[in-house]
Amino acid sequence: NVIDVFKWMSDEYIHDELKKTQLPFVAVAENFANDFNIATLVRNANAFNIQEVSIVGHRRWDRRGAVGTYHYTDVIHRSDPNLFYSRMAEKGIPIIAIDNIEGSIDLPEFTWPKGKVCVVFGQEQIGVSNIALSYAQTCVAIPQRGSVRSLNVGTSSGIIMYDYMVKNS
């Protein structure tokens, strides 16, 4: 399931070619309760050619929905959330939580920081963890008009990655 220019190319070749034009964006999928939508987040990461997906928490996730995109996008497991978030903060990489909690900035009004960012997507029904929120520079919400409380992680990640790409192109 690759675009024509990559047909018949090896996974390693595709991975290396994509690295040349990646966006400086680390997507974090918090996986403390289950892996709902991580595969979609990984597929979105490949579609928008972001630098890395870090899965924080449980290692296991259902890869079927990623349609092999994990071969071309770096997907790294991080077992210790405190260690991971503290290292991002020590490197000066802004941590941005995506959640519709009180005090969040609506995405249309949000200006992305320059340089590399670490964007945290929480767990379905749980939201972003308190650990991530304690390290986050800010929290961003996707405005909604319907009756549901929130969007799922897969959908949210696509909207956020698209917004980042458009505002940083």
N, C-alpha and C. Protein backbone atom coordinates (compact mmCIF):
# COMPACT_ATOMS: atom_id res chain seq x y z
N ASN A 1 0.83 -1.19 0.00
CA ASN A 1 0.00 0.00 0.00
C ASN A 1 0.88 1.25 0.00
N VAL A 2 1.71 1.41 -1.02
CA VAL A 2 2.59 2.58 -1.12
C VAL A 2 2.28 3.34 -2.41
N ILE A 3 2.67 4.62 -2.43
CA ILE A 3 2.47 5.43 -3.63
C ILE A 3 3.35 4.89 -4.76
N ASP A 4 3.00 5.23 -5.99
CA ASP A 4 3.66 4.65 -7.16
C ASP A 4 5.17 4.80 -7.16
N VAL A 5 5.68 5.93 -6.71
CA VAL A 5 7.13 6.15 -6.74
C VAL A 5 7.89 5.11 -5.90
N PHE A 6 7.21 4.52 -4.92
CA PHE A 6 7.85 3.52 -4.06
C PHE A 6 7.51 2.08 -4.41
N LYS A 7 6.71 1.87 -5.45
CA LYS A 7 6.37 0.50 -5.85
C LYS A 7 7.65 -0.28 -6.13
N TRP A 8 7.70 -1.47 -5.63
CA TRP A 8 8.80 -2.42 -5.83
C TRP A 8 10.08 -2.04 -5.10
N MET A 9 10.04 -1.00 -4.27
CA MET A 9 11.21 -0.62 -3.48
C MET A 9 11.19 -1.37 -2.15
N SER A 10 12.36 -1.58 -1.59
CA SER A 10 12.45 -2.28 -0.30
C SER A 10 11.94 -1.39 0.83
N ASP A 11 11.52 -2.03 1.92
CA ASP A 11 11.08 -1.28 3.10
C ASP A 11 12.18 -0.34 3.57
N GLU A 12 13.41 -0.82 3.58
CA GLU A 12 14.54 -0.01 4.04
C GLU A 12 14.74 1.22 3.15
N TYR A 13 14.63 1.05 1.84
CA TYR A 13 14.78 2.17 0.91
C TYR A 13 13.69 3.22 1.16
N ILE A 14 12.44 2.77 1.29
CA ILE A 14 11.33 3.69 1.53
C ILE A 14 11.55 4.44 2.84
N HIS A 15 11.91 3.71 3.89
CA HIS A 15 12.17 4.31 5.20
C HIS A 15 13.24 5.39 5.09
N ASP A 16 14.34 5.09 4.42
CA ASP A 16 15.45 6.03 4.30
C ASP A 16 15.07 7.26 3.46
N GLU A 17 14.29 7.06 2.41
CA GLU A 17 13.86 8.19 1.58
C GLU A 17 12.93 9.12 2.35
N LEU A 18 12.03 8.56 3.13
CA LEU A 18 11.10 9.38 3.91
C LEU A 18 11.84 10.19 4.97
N LYS A 19 12.90 9.64 5.53
CA LYS A 19 13.67 10.36 6.56
C LYS A 19 14.18 11.71 6.05
N LYS A 20 14.42 11.82 4.76
CA LYS A 20 14.98 13.05 4.18
C LYS A 20 14.02 14.24 4.26
N THR A 21 12.72 13.97 4.38
CA THR A 21 11.75 15.06 4.36
C THR A 21 10.78 15.02 5.55
N GLN A 22 11.15 14.32 6.62
CA GLN A 22 10.26 14.18 7.77
C GLN A 22 10.00 15.50 8.48
N LEU A 23 8.82 15.60 9.06
CA LEU A 23 8.48 16.72 9.91
C LEU A 23 9.02 16.45 11.31
N PRO A 24 9.55 17.47 11.99
CA PRO A 24 10.14 17.28 13.32
C PRO A 24 9.06 17.16 14.40
N PHE A 25 8.37 16.04 14.38
CA PHE A 25 7.18 15.81 15.19
C PHE A 25 7.27 14.41 15.76
N VAL A 26 7.22 14.31 17.09
CA VAL A 26 7.15 13.01 17.76
C VAL A 26 5.72 12.84 18.25
N ALA A 27 5.03 11.85 17.74
CA ALA A 27 3.66 11.55 18.19
C ALA A 27 3.75 10.51 19.29
N VAL A 28 3.12 10.79 20.41
CA VAL A 28 3.12 9.85 21.52
C VAL A 28 1.73 9.24 21.66
N ALA A 29 1.68 7.92 21.59
CA ALA A 29 0.44 7.19 21.83
C ALA A 29 0.54 6.58 23.22
N GLU A 30 -0.23 7.11 24.15
CA GLU A 30 -0.23 6.52 25.48
C GLU A 30 -1.05 5.24 25.44
N ASN A 31 -0.47 4.15 25.91
CA ASN A 31 -1.08 2.82 25.81
C ASN A 31 -1.08 2.16 27.19
N PHE A 32 -1.87 2.71 28.09
CA PHE A 32 -1.91 2.19 29.45
C PHE A 32 -3.06 1.21 29.67
N ALA A 33 -4.17 1.36 28.96
CA ALA A 33 -5.33 0.49 29.16
C ALA A 33 -5.52 -0.47 28.00
N ASN A 34 -5.44 0.01 26.78
CA ASN A 34 -5.56 -0.85 25.59
C ASN A 34 -4.96 -0.12 24.41
N ASP A 35 -4.96 -0.76 23.25
CA ASP A 35 -4.28 -0.17 22.09
C ASP A 35 -5.24 0.43 21.07
N PHE A 36 -6.43 0.75 21.47
CA PHE A 36 -7.43 1.26 20.54
C PHE A 36 -6.90 2.45 19.75
N ASN A 37 -6.86 2.33 18.44
CA ASN A 37 -6.50 3.41 17.51
C ASN A 37 -5.00 3.67 17.32
N ILE A 38 -4.12 2.94 17.96
CA ILE A 38 -2.70 3.17 17.74
C ILE A 38 -2.32 2.89 16.30
N ALA A 39 -2.89 1.86 15.70
CA ALA A 39 -2.58 1.55 14.31
C ALA A 39 -2.96 2.71 13.39
N THR A 40 -4.08 3.34 13.65
CA THR A 40 -4.48 4.50 12.84
C THR A 40 -3.52 5.65 13.06
N LEU A 41 -3.09 5.87 14.28
CA LEU A 41 -2.11 6.93 14.56
C LEU A 41 -0.81 6.67 13.79
N VAL A 42 -0.36 5.42 13.76
CA VAL A 42 0.88 5.08 13.03
C VAL A 42 0.68 5.30 11.53
N ARG A 43 -0.47 4.93 11.02
CA ARG A 43 -0.74 5.14 9.59
C ARG A 43 -0.79 6.64 9.28
N ASN A 44 -1.42 7.42 10.16
CA ASN A 44 -1.44 8.88 9.98
C ASN A 44 -0.02 9.45 10.02
N ALA A 45 0.79 8.95 10.94
CA ALA A 45 2.18 9.43 11.05
C ALA A 45 2.92 9.22 9.74
N ASN A 46 2.69 8.09 9.10
CA ASN A 46 3.32 7.84 7.81
C ASN A 46 2.75 8.75 6.74
N ALA A 47 1.44 8.94 6.74
CA ALA A 47 0.79 9.78 5.72
C ALA A 47 1.32 11.21 5.74
N PHE A 48 1.60 11.73 6.94
CA PHE A 48 2.09 13.09 7.07
C PHE A 48 3.60 13.14 7.25
N ASN A 49 4.24 11.98 7.21
CA ASN A 49 5.70 11.83 7.27
C ASN A 49 6.30 12.52 8.50
N ILE A 50 5.77 12.14 9.65
CA ILE A 50 6.35 12.67 10.88
C ILE A 50 7.52 11.80 11.32
N GLN A 51 8.36 12.35 12.15
CA GLN A 51 9.63 11.73 12.51
C GLN A 51 9.50 10.43 13.27
N GLU A 52 8.59 10.36 14.22
CA GLU A 52 8.57 9.21 15.11
C GLU A 52 7.23 9.05 15.81
N VAL A 53 6.88 7.80 16.07
CA VAL A 53 5.77 7.48 16.96
C VAL A 53 6.38 6.78 18.17
N SER A 54 6.12 7.30 19.34
CA SER A 54 6.54 6.65 20.58
C SER A 54 5.29 6.11 21.26
N ILE A 55 5.33 4.83 21.58
CA ILE A 55 4.23 4.21 22.32
C ILE A 55 4.68 4.12 23.76
N VAL A 56 3.99 4.83 24.63
CA VAL A 56 4.34 4.89 26.05
C VAL A 56 3.37 3.99 26.81
N GLY A 57 3.93 3.06 27.57
CA GLY A 57 3.10 2.14 28.34
C GLY A 57 3.26 0.73 27.82
N HIS A 58 2.13 0.05 27.58
CA HIS A 58 2.16 -1.34 27.10
C HIS A 58 2.81 -1.42 25.73
N ARG A 59 3.61 -2.45 25.52
CA ARG A 59 4.31 -2.66 24.25
C ARG A 59 3.36 -3.15 23.16
N ARG A 60 2.44 -4.02 23.51
CA ARG A 60 1.59 -4.66 22.50
C ARG A 60 0.56 -3.69 21.91
N TRP A 61 0.39 -3.78 20.59
CA TRP A 61 -0.67 -3.05 19.90
C TRP A 61 -1.01 -3.81 18.64
N ASP A 62 -2.22 -3.69 18.18
CA ASP A 62 -2.72 -4.41 17.00
C ASP A 62 -2.27 -3.68 15.75
N ARG A 63 -1.35 -4.26 15.01
CA ARG A 63 -0.74 -3.59 13.85
C ARG A 63 -1.56 -3.66 12.56
N ARG A 64 -2.60 -4.44 12.55
CA ARG A 64 -3.33 -4.66 11.29
C ARG A 64 -3.81 -3.36 10.64
N GLY A 65 -4.33 -2.44 11.41
CA GLY A 65 -4.85 -1.19 10.85
C GLY A 65 -3.78 -0.25 10.32
N ALA A 66 -2.52 -0.52 10.66
CA ALA A 66 -1.42 0.33 10.18
C ALA A 66 -1.03 -0.01 8.74
N VAL A 67 -1.53 -1.11 8.22
CA VAL A 67 -1.30 -1.55 6.85
C VAL A 67 0.19 -1.50 6.48
N GLY A 68 1.05 -1.96 7.37
CA GLY A 68 2.48 -2.04 7.09
C GLY A 68 3.25 -0.75 7.20
N THR A 69 2.59 0.36 7.52
CA THR A 69 3.30 1.64 7.57
C THR A 69 4.36 1.69 8.67
N TYR A 70 4.28 0.79 9.64
CA TYR A 70 5.31 0.74 10.69
C TYR A 70 6.66 0.30 10.13
N HIS A 71 6.69 -0.18 8.90
CA HIS A 71 7.97 -0.51 8.26
C HIS A 71 8.70 0.75 7.81
N TYR A 72 7.96 1.83 7.58
CA TYR A 72 8.54 3.04 7.00
C TYR A 72 8.61 4.20 7.99
N THR A 73 7.93 4.09 9.11
CA THR A 73 7.91 5.13 10.13
C THR A 73 8.49 4.55 11.41
N ASP A 74 9.37 5.29 12.08
CA ASP A 74 9.96 4.80 13.33
C ASP A 74 8.88 4.71 14.41
N VAL A 75 8.68 3.51 14.94
CA VAL A 75 7.76 3.28 16.04
C VAL A 75 8.59 2.70 17.19
N ILE A 76 8.64 3.45 18.29
CA ILE A 76 9.53 3.10 19.40
C ILE A 76 8.71 2.92 20.67
N HIS A 77 8.99 1.86 21.40
CA HIS A 77 8.29 1.62 22.67
C HIS A 77 9.04 2.31 23.80
N ARG A 78 8.31 2.99 24.64
CA ARG A 78 8.87 3.68 25.82
C ARG A 78 8.13 3.14 27.04
N SER A 79 8.80 2.35 27.86
CA SER A 79 8.11 1.72 28.99
C SER A 79 7.95 2.63 30.19
N ASP A 80 8.82 3.62 30.34
CA ASP A 80 8.79 4.49 31.51
C ASP A 80 8.37 5.90 31.10
N PRO A 81 7.11 6.26 31.33
CA PRO A 81 6.64 7.57 30.89
C PRO A 81 7.39 8.74 31.52
N ASN A 82 7.68 8.66 32.82
CA ASN A 82 8.41 9.76 33.47
C ASN A 82 9.76 9.98 32.83
N LEU A 83 10.48 8.90 32.58
CA LEU A 83 11.81 9.01 31.96
C LEU A 83 11.70 9.60 30.56
N PHE A 84 10.75 9.11 29.78
CA PHE A 84 10.59 9.61 28.41
C PHE A 84 10.25 11.10 28.39
N TYR A 85 9.23 11.50 29.15
CA TYR A 85 8.81 12.91 29.15
C TYR A 85 9.90 13.82 29.73
N SER A 86 10.59 13.36 30.76
CA SER A 86 11.65 14.19 31.34
C SER A 86 12.79 14.38 30.35
N ARG A 87 13.12 13.36 29.58
CA ARG A 87 14.18 13.50 28.56
C ARG A 87 13.77 14.46 27.46
N MET A 88 12.51 14.41 27.05
CA MET A 88 12.03 15.36 26.04
C MET A 88 12.17 16.79 26.59
N ALA A 89 11.74 16.98 27.83
CA ALA A 89 11.81 18.31 28.45
C ALA A 89 13.26 18.77 28.60
N GLU A 90 14.16 17.87 29.01
CA GLU A 90 15.58 18.22 29.16
C GLU A 90 16.20 18.66 27.84
N LYS A 91 15.73 18.08 26.75
CA LYS A 91 16.24 18.44 25.42
C LYS A 91 15.60 19.73 24.90
N GLY A 92 14.67 20.29 25.66
CA GLY A 92 14.01 21.52 25.24
C GLY A 92 12.93 21.31 24.19
N ILE A 93 12.47 20.09 24.06
CA ILE A 93 11.42 19.77 23.08
C ILE A 93 10.07 20.03 23.74
N PRO A 94 9.28 20.97 23.20
CA PRO A 94 7.98 21.26 23.81
C PRO A 94 7.07 20.04 23.77
N ILE A 95 6.43 19.77 24.89
CA ILE A 95 5.46 18.67 24.99
C ILE A 95 4.08 19.29 24.95
N ILE A 96 3.28 18.84 24.00
CA ILE A 96 1.95 19.39 23.79
C ILE A 96 0.95 18.25 23.93
N ALA A 97 0.05 18.39 24.88
CA ALA A 97 -0.99 17.39 25.11
C ALA A 97 -2.20 17.71 24.24
N ILE A 98 -2.83 16.68 23.72
CA ILE A 98 -4.05 16.85 22.94
C ILE A 98 -5.20 16.29 23.77
N ASP A 99 -6.01 17.18 24.29
CA ASP A 99 -7.13 16.77 25.13
C ASP A 99 -8.09 17.95 25.25
N ASN A 100 -9.36 17.65 25.46
CA ASN A 100 -10.35 18.72 25.54
C ASN A 100 -10.68 19.06 26.99
N ILE A 101 -9.66 19.21 27.79
CA ILE A 101 -9.84 19.55 29.20
C ILE A 101 -9.93 21.07 29.36
N GLU A 102 -10.41 21.49 30.51
CA GLU A 102 -10.52 22.93 30.80
C GLU A 102 -9.15 23.60 30.69
N GLY A 103 -9.12 24.74 30.04
CA GLY A 103 -7.88 25.49 29.87
C GLY A 103 -7.15 25.18 28.58
N SER A 104 -7.66 24.22 27.80
CA SER A 104 -7.02 23.88 26.52
C SER A 104 -7.21 25.02 25.52
N ILE A 105 -6.28 25.13 24.60
CA ILE A 105 -6.36 26.10 23.51
C ILE A 105 -7.01 25.41 22.32
N ASP A 106 -7.99 26.04 21.71
CA ASP A 106 -8.61 25.47 20.52
C ASP A 106 -7.61 25.44 19.38
N LEU A 107 -7.57 24.35 18.66
CA LEU A 107 -6.60 24.14 17.60
C LEU A 107 -6.52 25.28 16.58
N PRO A 108 -7.63 25.86 16.11
CA PRO A 108 -7.49 26.95 15.13
C PRO A 108 -6.72 28.16 15.66
N GLU A 109 -6.72 28.36 16.98
CA GLU A 109 -6.00 29.50 17.57
C GLU A 109 -4.59 29.15 17.99
N PHE A 110 -4.22 27.90 17.89
CA PHE A 110 -2.92 27.45 18.37
C PHE A 110 -1.82 27.68 17.34
N THR A 111 -0.70 28.24 17.80
CA THR A 111 0.49 28.41 16.97
C THR A 111 1.52 27.40 17.43
N TRP A 112 1.96 26.56 16.50
CA TRP A 112 2.94 25.54 16.83
C TRP A 112 4.30 26.16 17.14
N PRO A 113 4.99 25.66 18.16
CA PRO A 113 6.35 26.13 18.42
C PRO A 113 7.26 25.76 17.25
N LYS A 114 8.29 26.55 17.06
CA LYS A 114 9.27 26.25 16.01
C LYS A 114 10.14 25.09 16.45
N GLY A 115 10.60 24.30 15.51
CA GLY A 115 11.46 23.17 15.82
C GLY A 115 10.67 21.93 16.18
N LYS A 116 11.36 20.98 16.75
CA LYS A 116 10.78 19.68 17.07
C LYS A 116 9.75 19.80 18.19
N VAL A 117 8.66 19.05 18.05
CA VAL A 117 7.62 19.00 19.08
C VAL A 117 7.33 17.56 19.45
N CYS A 118 6.83 17.38 20.65
CA CYS A 118 6.40 16.08 21.16
C CYS A 118 4.92 16.22 21.48
N VAL A 119 4.08 15.51 20.75
CA VAL A 119 2.63 15.67 20.85
C VAL A 119 2.02 14.40 21.44
N VAL A 120 1.32 14.55 22.56
CA VAL A 120 0.81 13.40 23.31
C VAL A 120 -0.67 13.20 23.06
N PHE A 121 -1.01 12.00 22.63
CA PHE A 121 -2.39 11.58 22.45
C PHE A 121 -2.72 10.58 23.54
N GLY A 122 -3.77 10.85 24.30
CA GLY A 122 -4.11 10.01 25.44
C GLY A 122 -4.83 8.74 25.05
N GLN A 123 -5.25 8.05 26.05
CA GLN A 123 -5.93 6.78 25.91
C GLN A 123 -7.43 6.99 25.74
N GLU A 124 -8.05 6.17 24.92
CA GLU A 124 -9.50 6.21 24.74
C GLU A 124 -10.20 6.15 26.09
N GLN A 125 -11.14 7.01 26.33
CA GLN A 125 -11.96 7.14 27.55
C GLN A 125 -11.18 7.69 28.75
N ILE A 126 -9.86 7.69 28.70
CA ILE A 126 -9.06 8.15 29.84
C ILE A 126 -8.51 9.55 29.57
N GLY A 127 -8.12 9.80 28.33
CA GLY A 127 -7.49 11.06 27.98
C GLY A 127 -6.00 11.01 28.24
N VAL A 128 -5.36 12.13 28.17
CA VAL A 128 -3.92 12.23 28.40
C VAL A 128 -3.65 12.00 29.88
N SER A 129 -2.60 11.24 30.17
CA SER A 129 -2.27 10.90 31.55
C SER A 129 -1.84 12.13 32.35
N ASN A 130 -2.00 12.05 33.65
CA ASN A 130 -1.54 13.13 34.53
C ASN A 130 -0.03 13.30 34.44
N ILE A 131 0.68 12.20 34.19
CA ILE A 131 2.14 12.28 34.03
C ILE A 131 2.48 13.18 32.85
N ALA A 132 1.85 12.92 31.71
CA ALA A 132 2.10 13.73 30.50
C ALA A 132 1.67 15.18 30.73
N LEU A 133 0.51 15.37 31.35
CA LEU A 133 0.04 16.73 31.60
C LEU A 133 1.00 17.52 32.48
N SER A 134 1.66 16.83 33.42
CA SER A 134 2.60 17.53 34.31
C SER A 134 3.83 18.04 33.54
N TYR A 135 4.16 17.42 32.42
CA TYR A 135 5.30 17.85 31.61
C TYR A 135 4.89 18.75 30.44
N ALA A 136 3.60 18.78 30.12
CA ALA A 136 3.14 19.49 28.94
C ALA A 136 3.29 21.00 29.06
N GLN A 137 3.76 21.59 27.99
CA GLN A 137 3.87 23.05 27.90
C GLN A 137 2.47 23.66 27.75
N THR A 138 1.62 22.96 27.01
CA THR A 138 0.26 23.42 26.78
C THR A 138 -0.61 22.24 26.41
N CYS A 139 -1.91 22.48 26.41
CA CYS A 139 -2.88 21.47 26.00
C CYS A 139 -3.74 22.07 24.90
N VAL A 140 -3.96 21.30 23.85
CA VAL A 140 -4.70 21.76 22.69
C VAL A 140 -5.93 20.87 22.50
N ALA A 141 -7.06 21.50 22.18
CA ALA A 141 -8.31 20.77 21.96
C ALA A 141 -8.78 20.98 20.53
N ILE A 142 -9.44 19.97 20.00
CA ILE A 142 -10.07 20.06 18.69
C ILE A 142 -11.53 20.45 18.92
N PRO A 143 -11.94 21.64 18.46
CA PRO A 143 -13.32 22.06 18.69
C PRO A 143 -14.31 21.10 18.00
N GLN A 144 -15.41 20.85 18.66
CA GLN A 144 -16.45 19.96 18.14
C GLN A 144 -17.81 20.63 18.30
N ARG A 145 -18.78 20.17 17.51
CA ARG A 145 -20.12 20.76 17.57
C ARG A 145 -21.19 19.73 17.91
N GLY A 146 -20.83 18.46 17.91
CA GLY A 146 -21.83 17.41 18.13
C GLY A 146 -22.01 17.07 19.59
N SER A 147 -22.57 15.90 19.83
CA SER A 147 -22.93 15.50 21.19
C SER A 147 -21.90 14.60 21.88
N VAL A 148 -20.93 14.07 21.15
CA VAL A 148 -19.95 13.20 21.80
C VAL A 148 -18.93 14.04 22.57
N ARG A 149 -18.38 13.45 23.63
CA ARG A 149 -17.44 14.16 24.50
C ARG A 149 -16.11 14.40 23.81
N SER A 150 -15.68 13.43 22.97
CA SER A 150 -14.36 13.57 22.35
C SER A 150 -14.27 12.75 21.08
N LEU A 151 -13.22 13.02 20.32
CA LEU A 151 -12.90 12.21 19.14
C LEU A 151 -11.97 11.08 19.57
N ASN A 152 -11.94 10.01 18.79
CA ASN A 152 -11.00 8.94 19.14
C ASN A 152 -9.58 9.34 18.75
N VAL A 153 -8.62 8.62 19.28
CA VAL A 153 -7.20 8.94 19.09
C VAL A 153 -6.79 8.90 17.62
N GLY A 154 -7.29 7.91 16.89
CA GLY A 154 -6.94 7.82 15.47
C GLY A 154 -7.38 9.04 14.70
N THR A 155 -8.62 9.46 14.90
CA THR A 155 -9.15 10.64 14.22
C THR A 155 -8.43 11.90 14.67
N SER A 156 -8.27 12.05 15.98
CA SER A 156 -7.58 13.24 16.52
C SER A 156 -6.17 13.37 15.97
N SER A 157 -5.46 12.26 15.90
CA SER A 157 -4.07 12.32 15.43
C SER A 157 -3.99 12.79 13.99
N GLY A 158 -4.92 12.36 13.15
CA GLY A 158 -4.93 12.81 11.76
C GLY A 158 -5.19 14.31 11.65
N ILE A 159 -6.13 14.81 12.43
CA ILE A 159 -6.44 16.24 12.41
C ILE A 159 -5.24 17.05 12.89
N ILE A 160 -4.64 16.64 13.98
CA ILE A 160 -3.51 17.37 14.57
C ILE A 160 -2.30 17.34 13.63
N MET A 161 -1.98 16.18 13.08
CA MET A 161 -0.82 16.08 12.17
C MET A 161 -1.04 16.92 10.92
N TYR A 162 -2.26 16.93 10.40
CA TYR A 162 -2.56 17.75 9.23
C TYR A 162 -2.39 19.23 9.56
N ASP A 163 -2.91 19.65 10.70
CA ASP A 163 -2.79 21.04 11.12
C ASP A 163 -1.31 21.44 11.24
N TYR A 164 -0.52 20.57 11.85
CA TYR A 164 0.92 20.86 12.00
C TYR A 164 1.57 21.01 10.62
N MET A 165 1.27 20.07 9.72
CA MET A 165 1.87 20.11 8.38
C MET A 165 1.49 21.40 7.65
N VAL A 166 0.22 21.76 7.69
CA VAL A 166 -0.24 22.95 6.97
C VAL A 166 0.38 24.22 7.55
N LYS A 167 0.39 24.33 8.86
CA LYS A 167 0.90 25.54 9.51
C LYS A 167 2.42 25.64 9.47
N ASN A 168 3.12 24.55 9.14
CA ASN A 168 4.57 24.56 9.10
C ASN A 168 5.14 24.30 7.72
N SER A 169 4.34 24.51 6.70
CA SER A 169 4.82 24.31 5.32
C SER A 169 5.16 25.62 4.67
